[in-house]
Amino acid sequence: MRIKNENENDVSLMSGPIEEVFEFTYLGSVVSKAGGTEENVKLKLSRARVAFRIIDKVWTSNVYNRRTKLRLFNSNVKELL
């Protein structure tokens, strides 16, 4: 990926040219050629939404107390944000 680089020459290693991409994931964050964070925020929100849905039955259950529910939320949902 090239950001604000006018050099159009191919970059290559011993095995051949390196593929140029528009976006990629690095350490769980999306890096895009546009340089914005919109894609990364969308990805993190969708992951958190899925995690929240997985523990949905815990939220509506009377078996678990509020402290346990908050610990599950903090460890499973907030950790993805």
PDB file of N, CA and C in Angstrom:
ATOM      1  N   MET A   1       0.851  -1.157   0.000  1.00  0.00           N
ATOM      2  CA  MET A   1       0.000   0.000   0.000  1.00  0.00           C
ATOM      3  C   MET A   1       0.903   1.229   0.000  1.00  0.00           C
ATOM      4  N   ARG A   2       0.523   2.197  -0.775  1.00  0.00           N
ATOM      5  CA  ARG A   2       1.243   3.463  -0.835  1.00  0.00           C
ATOM      6  C   ARG A   2       0.295   4.579  -0.438  1.00  0.00           C
ATOM      7  N   ILE A   3       0.728   5.396   0.485  1.00  0.00           N
ATOM      8  CA  ILE A   3      -0.075   6.531   0.916  1.00  0.00           C
ATOM      9  C   ILE A   3       0.722   7.798   0.645  1.00  0.00           C
ATOM     10  N   LYS A   4       0.145   8.668  -0.160  1.00  0.00           N
ATOM     11  CA  LYS A   4       0.777   9.933  -0.548  1.00  0.00           C
ATOM     12  C   LYS A   4       2.179   9.710  -1.118  1.00  0.00           C
ATOM     13  N   ASN A   5       2.290   8.731  -1.998  1.00  0.00           N
ATOM     14  CA  ASN A   5       3.559   8.418  -2.638  1.00  0.00           C
ATOM     15  C   ASN A   5       3.341   8.456  -4.142  1.00  0.00           C
ATOM     16  N   GLU A   6       4.068   9.304  -4.823  1.00  0.00           N
ATOM     17  CA  GLU A   6       3.887   9.439  -6.260  1.00  0.00           C
ATOM     18  C   GLU A   6       4.738   8.457  -7.064  1.00  0.00           C
ATOM     19  N   ASN A   7       5.632   7.759  -6.422  1.00  0.00           N
ATOM     20  CA  ASN A   7       6.474   6.779  -7.091  1.00  0.00           C
ATOM     21  C   ASN A   7       5.627   5.571  -7.469  1.00  0.00           C
ATOM     22  N   GLU A   8       5.537   5.269  -8.753  1.00  0.00           N
ATOM     23  CA  GLU A   8       4.709   4.171  -9.241  1.00  0.00           C
ATOM     24  C   GLU A   8       5.519   2.915  -9.553  1.00  0.00           C
ATOM     25  N   ASN A   9       6.812   2.900  -9.244  1.00  0.00           N
ATOM     26  CA  ASN A   9       7.641   1.725  -9.508  1.00  0.00           C
ATOM     27  C   ASN A   9       7.223   0.574  -8.606  1.00  0.00           C
ATOM     28  N   ASP A  10       7.265  -0.644  -9.150  1.00  0.00           N
ATOM     29  CA  ASP A  10       6.928  -1.822  -8.361  1.00  0.00           C
ATOM     30  C   ASP A  10       7.993  -2.062  -7.304  1.00  0.00           C
ATOM     31  N   VAL A  11       7.549  -2.522  -6.149  1.00  0.00           N
ATOM     32  CA  VAL A  11       8.457  -2.910  -5.078  1.00  0.00           C
ATOM     33  C   VAL A  11       8.579  -4.416  -5.137  1.00  0.00           C
ATOM     34  N   SER A  12       9.801  -4.920  -5.091  1.00  0.00           N
ATOM     35  CA  SER A  12       9.971  -6.366  -5.200  1.00  0.00           C
ATOM     36  C   SER A  12      11.027  -6.861  -4.223  1.00  0.00           C
ATOM     37  N   LEU A  13      10.892  -8.128  -3.888  1.00  0.00           N
ATOM     38  CA  LEU A  13      11.869  -8.842  -3.080  1.00  0.00           C
ATOM     39  C   LEU A  13      12.508  -9.901  -3.948  1.00  0.00           C
ATOM     40  N   MET A  14      13.314 -10.737  -3.360  1.00  0.00           N
ATOM     41  CA  MET A  14      13.974 -11.782  -4.144  1.00  0.00           C
ATOM     42  C   MET A  14      12.979 -12.713  -4.818  1.00  0.00           C
ATOM     43  N   SER A  15      11.814 -12.928  -4.193  1.00  0.00           N
ATOM     44  CA  SER A  15      10.841 -13.864  -4.750  1.00  0.00           C
ATOM     45  C   SER A  15       9.948 -13.234  -5.818  1.00  0.00           C
ATOM     46  N   GLY A  16      10.007 -11.911  -5.998  1.00  0.00           N
ATOM     47  CA  GLY A  16       9.203 -11.265  -7.016  1.00  0.00           C
ATOM     48  C   GLY A  16       8.535 -10.009  -6.492  1.00  0.00           C
ATOM     49  N   PRO A  17       7.640  -9.425  -7.298  1.00  0.00           N
ATOM     50  CA  PRO A  17       6.983  -8.179  -6.888  1.00  0.00           C
ATOM     51  C   PRO A  17       6.013  -8.388  -5.727  1.00  0.00           C
ATOM     52  N   ILE A  18       5.847  -7.347  -4.931  1.00  0.00           N
ATOM     53  CA  ILE A  18       4.926  -7.369  -3.807  1.00  0.00           C
ATOM     54  C   ILE A  18       3.573  -6.859  -4.286  1.00  0.00           C
ATOM     55  N   GLU A  19       2.517  -7.553  -3.902  1.00  0.00           N
ATOM     56  CA  GLU A  19       1.160  -7.174  -4.300  1.00  0.00           C
ATOM     57  C   GLU A  19       0.747  -5.876  -3.599  1.00  0.00           C
ATOM     58  N   GLU A  20       0.151  -4.978  -4.342  1.00  0.00           N
ATOM     59  CA  GLU A  20      -0.343  -3.731  -3.766  1.00  0.00           C
ATOM     60  C   GLU A  20      -1.826  -3.899  -3.452  1.00  0.00           C
ATOM     61  N   VAL A  21      -2.223  -3.533  -2.240  1.00  0.00           N
ATOM     62  CA  VAL A  21      -3.603  -3.705  -1.801  1.00  0.00           C
ATOM     63  C   VAL A  21      -4.197  -2.367  -1.375  1.00  0.00           C
ATOM     64  N   PHE A  22      -5.542  -2.307  -1.318  1.00  0.00           N
ATOM     65  CA  PHE A  22      -6.241  -1.097  -0.904  1.00  0.00           C
ATOM     66  C   PHE A  22      -6.346  -1.017   0.619  1.00  0.00           C
ATOM     67  N   GLU A  23      -6.500  -2.178   1.275  1.00  0.00           N
ATOM     68  CA  GLU A  23      -6.570  -2.213   2.733  1.00  0.00           C
ATOM     69  C   GLU A  23      -6.084  -3.560   3.234  1.00  0.00           C
ATOM     70  N   PHE A  24      -5.641  -3.600   4.506  1.00  0.00           N
ATOM     71  CA  PHE A  24      -5.226  -4.846   5.137  1.00  0.00           C
ATOM     72  C   PHE A  24      -5.423  -4.714   6.640  1.00  0.00           C
ATOM     73  N   THR A  25      -5.398  -5.849   7.330  1.00  0.00           N
ATOM     74  CA  THR A  25      -5.572  -5.871   8.775  1.00  0.00           C
ATOM     75  C   THR A  25      -4.209  -6.074   9.427  1.00  0.00           C
ATOM     76  N   TYR A  26      -3.899  -5.198  10.379  1.00  0.00           N
ATOM     77  CA  TYR A  26      -2.633  -5.277  11.102  1.00  0.00           C
ATOM     78  C   TYR A  26      -2.922  -5.138  12.588  1.00  0.00           C
ATOM     79  N   LEU A  27      -2.578  -6.167  13.355  1.00  0.00           N
ATOM     80  CA  LEU A  27      -2.817  -6.189  14.799  1.00  0.00           C
ATOM     81  C   LEU A  27      -4.269  -5.896  15.145  1.00  0.00           C
ATOM     82  N   GLY A  28      -5.184  -6.443  14.358  1.00  0.00           N
ATOM     83  CA  GLY A  28      -6.604  -6.310  14.625  1.00  0.00           C
ATOM     84  C   GLY A  28      -7.236  -5.021  14.140  1.00  0.00           C
ATOM     85  N   SER A  29      -6.456  -4.121  13.550  1.00  0.00           N
ATOM     86  CA  SER A  29      -6.985  -2.864  13.037  1.00  0.00           C
ATOM     87  C   SER A  29      -6.880  -2.844  11.523  1.00  0.00           C
ATOM     88  N   VAL A  30      -7.865  -2.239  10.877  1.00  0.00           N
ATOM     89  CA  VAL A  30      -7.863  -2.145   9.425  1.00  0.00           C
ATOM     90  C   VAL A  30      -7.106  -0.889   9.007  1.00  0.00           C
ATOM     91  N   VAL A  31      -6.127  -1.080   8.140  1.00  0.00           N
ATOM     92  CA  VAL A  31      -5.357   0.029   7.585  1.00  0.00           C
ATOM     93  C   VAL A  31      -5.764   0.153   6.129  1.00  0.00           C
ATOM     94  N   SER A  32      -6.213   1.352   5.720  1.00  0.00           N
ATOM     95  CA  SER A  32      -6.674   1.521   4.346  1.00  0.00           C
ATOM     96  C   SER A  32      -5.854   2.585   3.635  1.00  0.00           C
ATOM     97  N   LYS A  33      -5.899   2.511   2.326  1.00  0.00           N
ATOM     98  CA  LYS A  33      -5.170   3.461   1.502  1.00  0.00           C
ATOM     99  C   LYS A  33      -5.725   4.869   1.656  1.00  0.00           C
ATOM    100  N   ALA A  34      -7.010   4.984   1.942  1.00  0.00           N
ATOM    101  CA  ALA A  34      -7.627   6.293   2.135  1.00  0.00           C
ATOM    102  C   ALA A  34      -7.097   6.978   3.394  1.00  0.00           C
ATOM    103  N   GLY A  35      -6.547   6.196   4.312  1.00  0.00           N
ATOM    104  CA  GLY A  35      -5.938   6.758   5.507  1.00  0.00           C
ATOM    105  C   GLY A  35      -6.914   7.063   6.622  1.00  0.00           C
ATOM    106  N   GLY A  36      -8.200   6.819   6.410  1.00  0.00           N
ATOM    107  CA  GLY A  36      -9.206   7.097   7.429  1.00  0.00           C
ATOM    108  C   GLY A  36      -9.377   5.932   8.389  1.00  0.00           C
ATOM    109  N   THR A  37     -10.192   6.154   9.388  1.00  0.00           N
ATOM    110  CA  THR A  37     -10.439   5.119  10.382  1.00  0.00           C
ATOM    111  C   THR A  37     -11.849   4.560  10.295  1.00  0.00           C
ATOM    112  N   GLU A  38     -12.608   4.966   9.292  1.00  0.00           N
ATOM    113  CA  GLU A  38     -14.003   4.551   9.174  1.00  0.00           C
ATOM    114  C   GLU A  38     -14.143   3.032   9.070  1.00  0.00           C
ATOM    115  N   GLU A  39     -13.336   2.385   8.249  1.00  0.00           N
ATOM    116  CA  GLU A  39     -13.406   0.936   8.094  1.00  0.00           C
ATOM    117  C   GLU A  39     -13.077   0.233   9.396  1.00  0.00           C
ATOM    118  N   ASN A  40     -12.086   0.746  10.109  1.00  0.00           N
ATOM    119  CA  ASN A  40     -11.670   0.146  11.361  1.00  0.00           C
ATOM    120  C   ASN A  40     -12.774   0.258  12.410  1.00  0.00           C
ATOM    121  N   VAL A  41     -13.414   1.408  12.496  1.00  0.00           N
ATOM    122  CA  VAL A  41     -14.495   1.605  13.463  1.00  0.00           C
ATOM    123  C   VAL A  41     -15.665   0.692  13.139  1.00  0.00           C
ATOM    124  N   LYS A  42     -16.028   0.578  11.876  1.00  0.00           N
ATOM    125  CA  LYS A  42     -17.123  -0.298  11.474  1.00  0.00           C
ATOM    126  C   LYS A  42     -16.833  -1.750  11.843  1.00  0.00           C
ATOM    127  N   LEU A  43     -15.602  -2.195  11.601  1.00  0.00           N
ATOM    128  CA  LEU A  43     -15.222  -3.572  11.917  1.00  0.00           C
ATOM    129  C   LEU A  43     -15.295  -3.827  13.417  1.00  0.00           C
ATOM    130  N   LYS A  44     -14.778  -2.915  14.216  1.00  0.00           N
ATOM    131  CA  LYS A  44     -14.801  -3.103  15.664  1.00  0.00           C
ATOM    132  C   LYS A  44     -16.222  -3.096  16.216  1.00  0.00           C
ATOM    133  N   LEU A  45     -17.071  -2.215  15.703  1.00  0.00           N
ATOM    134  CA  LEU A  45     -18.456  -2.180  16.151  1.00  0.00           C
ATOM    135  C   LEU A  45     -19.209  -3.458  15.779  1.00  0.00           C
ATOM    136  N   SER A  46     -18.954  -3.982  14.591  1.00  0.00           N
ATOM    137  CA  SER A  46     -19.642  -5.211  14.189  1.00  0.00           C
ATOM    138  C   SER A  46     -19.171  -6.392  15.035  1.00  0.00           C
ATOM    139  N   ARG A  47     -17.885  -6.446  15.379  1.00  0.00           N
ATOM    140  CA  ARG A  47     -17.388  -7.516  16.253  1.00  0.00           C
ATOM    141  C   ARG A  47     -18.003  -7.416  17.640  1.00  0.00           C
ATOM    142  N   ALA A  48     -18.091  -6.202  18.177  1.00  0.00           N
ATOM    143  CA  ALA A  48     -18.684  -6.004  19.500  1.00  0.00           C
ATOM    144  C   ALA A  48     -20.170  -6.349  19.481  1.00  0.00           C
ATOM    145  N   ARG A  49     -20.864  -6.009  18.400  1.00  0.00           N
ATOM    146  CA  ARG A  49     -22.288  -6.319  18.269  1.00  0.00           C
ATOM    147  C   ARG A  49     -22.517  -7.824  18.283  1.00  0.00           C
ATOM    148  N   VAL A  50     -21.664  -8.571  17.592  1.00  0.00           N
ATOM    149  CA  VAL A  50     -21.785 -10.025  17.565  1.00  0.00           C
ATOM    150  C   VAL A  50     -21.530 -10.598  18.956  1.00  0.00           C
ATOM    151  N   ALA A  51     -20.499 -10.112  19.626  1.00  0.00           N
ATOM    152  CA  ALA A  51     -20.196 -10.598  20.975  1.00  0.00           C
ATOM    153  C   ALA A  51     -21.342 -10.291  21.931  1.00  0.00           C
ATOM    154  N   PHE A  52     -21.947  -9.126  21.798  1.00  0.00           N
ATOM    155  CA  PHE A  52     -23.070  -8.749  22.648  1.00  0.00           C
ATOM    156  C   PHE A  52     -24.268  -9.669  22.411  1.00  0.00           C
ATOM    157  N   ARG A  53     -24.515 -10.008  21.161  1.00  0.00           N
ATOM    158  CA  ARG A  53     -25.628 -10.912  20.834  1.00  0.00           C
ATOM    159  C   ARG A  53     -25.399 -12.312  21.395  1.00  0.00           C
ATOM    160  N   ILE A  54     -24.134 -12.731  21.424  1.00  0.00           N
ATOM    161  CA  ILE A  54     -23.824 -14.064  21.941  1.00  0.00           C
ATOM    162  C   ILE A  54     -24.180 -14.165  23.424  1.00  0.00           C
ATOM    163  N   ILE A  55     -23.933 -13.098  24.185  1.00  0.00           N
ATOM    164  CA  ILE A  55     -24.232 -13.135  25.614  1.00  0.00           C
ATOM    165  C   ILE A  55     -25.598 -12.521  25.930  1.00  0.00           C
ATOM    166  N   ASP A  56     -26.450 -12.413  24.940  1.00  0.00           N
ATOM    167  CA  ASP A  56     -27.774 -11.817  25.124  1.00  0.00           C
ATOM    168  C   ASP A  56     -28.601 -12.560  26.164  1.00  0.00           C
ATOM    169  N   LYS A  57     -28.527 -13.868  26.187  1.00  0.00           N
ATOM    170  CA  LYS A  57     -29.305 -14.650  27.147  1.00  0.00           C
ATOM    171  C   LYS A  57     -28.835 -14.404  28.582  1.00  0.00           C
ATOM    172  N   VAL A  58     -27.581 -14.051  28.736  1.00  0.00           N
ATOM    173  CA  VAL A  58     -27.065 -13.728  30.071  1.00  0.00           C
ATOM    174  C   VAL A  58     -27.720 -12.457  30.581  1.00  0.00           C
ATOM    175  N   TRP A  59     -27.898 -11.461  29.710  1.00  0.00           N
ATOM    176  CA  TRP A  59     -28.494 -10.192  30.123  1.00  0.00           C
ATOM    177  C   TRP A  59     -29.922 -10.360  30.601  1.00  0.00           C
ATOM    178  N   THR A  60     -30.674 -11.230  29.964  1.00  0.00           N
ATOM    179  CA  THR A  60     -32.081 -11.405  30.323  1.00  0.00           C
ATOM    180  C   THR A  60     -32.289 -12.442  31.420  1.00  0.00           C
ATOM    181  N   SER A  61     -31.235 -13.128  31.806  1.00  0.00           N
ATOM    182  CA  SER A  61     -31.342 -14.167  32.819  1.00  0.00           C
ATOM    183  C   SER A  61     -31.381 -13.572  34.229  1.00  0.00           C
ATOM    184  N   ASN A  62     -32.129 -14.213  35.083  1.00  0.00           N
ATOM    185  CA  ASN A  62     -32.165 -13.831  36.492  1.00  0.00           C
ATOM    186  C   ASN A  62     -31.181 -14.640  37.330  1.00  0.00           C
ATOM    187  N   VAL A  63     -30.492 -15.572  36.722  1.00  0.00           N
ATOM    188  CA  VAL A  63     -29.546 -16.427  37.425  1.00  0.00           C
ATOM    189  C   VAL A  63     -28.284 -15.655  37.799  1.00  0.00           C
ATOM    190  N   TYR A  64     -27.842 -14.760  36.932  1.00  0.00           N
ATOM    191  CA  TYR A  64     -26.599 -14.025  37.151  1.00  0.00           C
ATOM    192  C   TYR A  64     -26.890 -12.660  37.763  1.00  0.00           C
ATOM    193  N   ASN A  65     -26.030 -12.249  38.680  1.00  0.00           N
ATOM    194  CA  ASN A  65     -26.207 -10.925  39.268  1.00  0.00           C
ATOM    195  C   ASN A  65     -25.579  -9.864  38.367  1.00  0.00           C
ATOM    196  N   ARG A  66     -25.809  -8.604  38.698  1.00  0.00           N
ATOM    197  CA  ARG A  66     -25.346  -7.485  37.864  1.00  0.00           C
ATOM    198  C   ARG A  66     -23.817  -7.470  37.753  1.00  0.00           C
ATOM    199  N   ARG A  67     -23.136  -7.763  38.830  1.00  0.00           N
ATOM    200  CA  ARG A  67     -21.663  -7.763  38.819  1.00  0.00           C
ATOM    201  C   ARG A  67     -21.120  -8.782  37.812  1.00  0.00           C
ATOM    202  N   THR A  68     -21.692  -9.969  37.809  1.00  0.00           N
ATOM    203  CA  THR A  68     -21.251 -11.006  36.868  1.00  0.00           C
ATOM    204  C   THR A  68     -21.545 -10.595  35.434  1.00  0.00           C
ATOM    205  N   LYS A  69     -22.703 -10.009  35.207  1.00  0.00           N
ATOM    206  CA  LYS A  69     -23.057  -9.550  33.859  1.00  0.00           C
ATOM    207  C   LYS A  69     -22.097  -8.478  33.372  1.00  0.00           C
ATOM    208  N   LEU A  70     -21.744  -7.546  34.244  1.00  0.00           N
ATOM    209  CA  LEU A  70     -20.806  -6.490  33.858  1.00  0.00           C
ATOM    210  C   LEU A  70     -19.410  -7.043  33.611  1.00  0.00           C
ATOM    211  N   ARG A  71     -19.004  -8.023  34.387  1.00  0.00           N
ATOM    212  CA  ARG A  71     -17.688  -8.638  34.146  1.00  0.00           C
ATOM    213  C   ARG A  71     -17.655  -9.344  32.795  1.00  0.00           C
ATOM    214  N   LEU A  72     -18.742 -10.030  32.450  1.00  0.00           N
ATOM    215  CA  LEU A  72     -18.821 -10.679  31.135  1.00  0.00           C
ATOM    216  C   LEU A  72     -18.811  -9.644  30.014  1.00  0.00           C
ATOM    217  N   PHE A  73     -19.547  -8.562  30.204  1.00  0.00           N
ATOM    218  CA  PHE A  73     -19.574  -7.496  29.202  1.00  0.00           C
ATOM    219  C   PHE A  73     -18.186  -6.888  29.010  1.00  0.00           C
ATOM    220  N   ASN A  74     -17.521  -6.565  30.106  1.00  0.00           N
ATOM    221  CA  ASN A  74     -16.191  -5.949  30.021  1.00  0.00           C
ATOM    222  C   ASN A  74     -15.158  -6.875  29.398  1.00  0.00           C
ATOM    223  N   SER A  75     -15.242  -8.159  29.687  1.00  0.00           N
ATOM    224  CA  SER A  75     -14.229  -9.077  29.165  1.00  0.00           C
ATOM    225  C   SER A  75     -14.514  -9.552  27.745  1.00  0.00           C
ATOM    226  N   ASN A  76     -15.777  -9.542  27.332  1.00  0.00           N
ATOM    227  CA  ASN A  76     -16.113 -10.079  26.013  1.00  0.00           C
ATOM    228  C   ASN A  76     -16.519  -9.050  24.976  1.00  0.00           C
ATOM    229  N   VAL A  77     -17.114  -7.944  25.394  1.00  0.00           N
ATOM    230  CA  VAL A  77     -17.585  -6.952  24.436  1.00  0.00           C
ATOM    231  C   VAL A  77     -16.643  -5.754  24.383  1.00  0.00           C
ATOM    232  N   LYS A  78     -16.381  -5.158  25.525  1.00  0.00           N
ATOM    233  CA  LYS A  78     -15.524  -3.971  25.541  1.00  0.00           C
ATOM    234  C   LYS A  78     -14.098  -4.280  25.069  1.00  0.00           C
ATOM    235  N   GLU A  79     -13.673  -5.494  25.271  1.00  0.00           N
ATOM    236  CA  GLU A  79     -12.325  -5.879  24.842  1.00  0.00           C
ATOM    237  C   GLU A  79     -12.164  -5.809  23.330  1.00  0.00           C
ATOM    238  N   LEU A  80     -13.254  -5.909  22.605  1.00  0.00           N
ATOM    239  CA  LEU A  80     -13.200  -5.854  21.134  1.00  0.00           C
ATOM    240  C   LEU A  80     -13.192  -4.440  20.599  1.00  0.00           C
ATOM    241  N   LEU A  81     -13.502  -3.457  21.433  1.00  0.00           N
ATOM    242  CA  LEU A  81     -13.546  -2.071  20.981  1.00  0.00           C
ATOM    243  C   LEU A  81     -12.209  -1.404  21.067  1.00  0.00           C
TER     244      LEU A  81
END
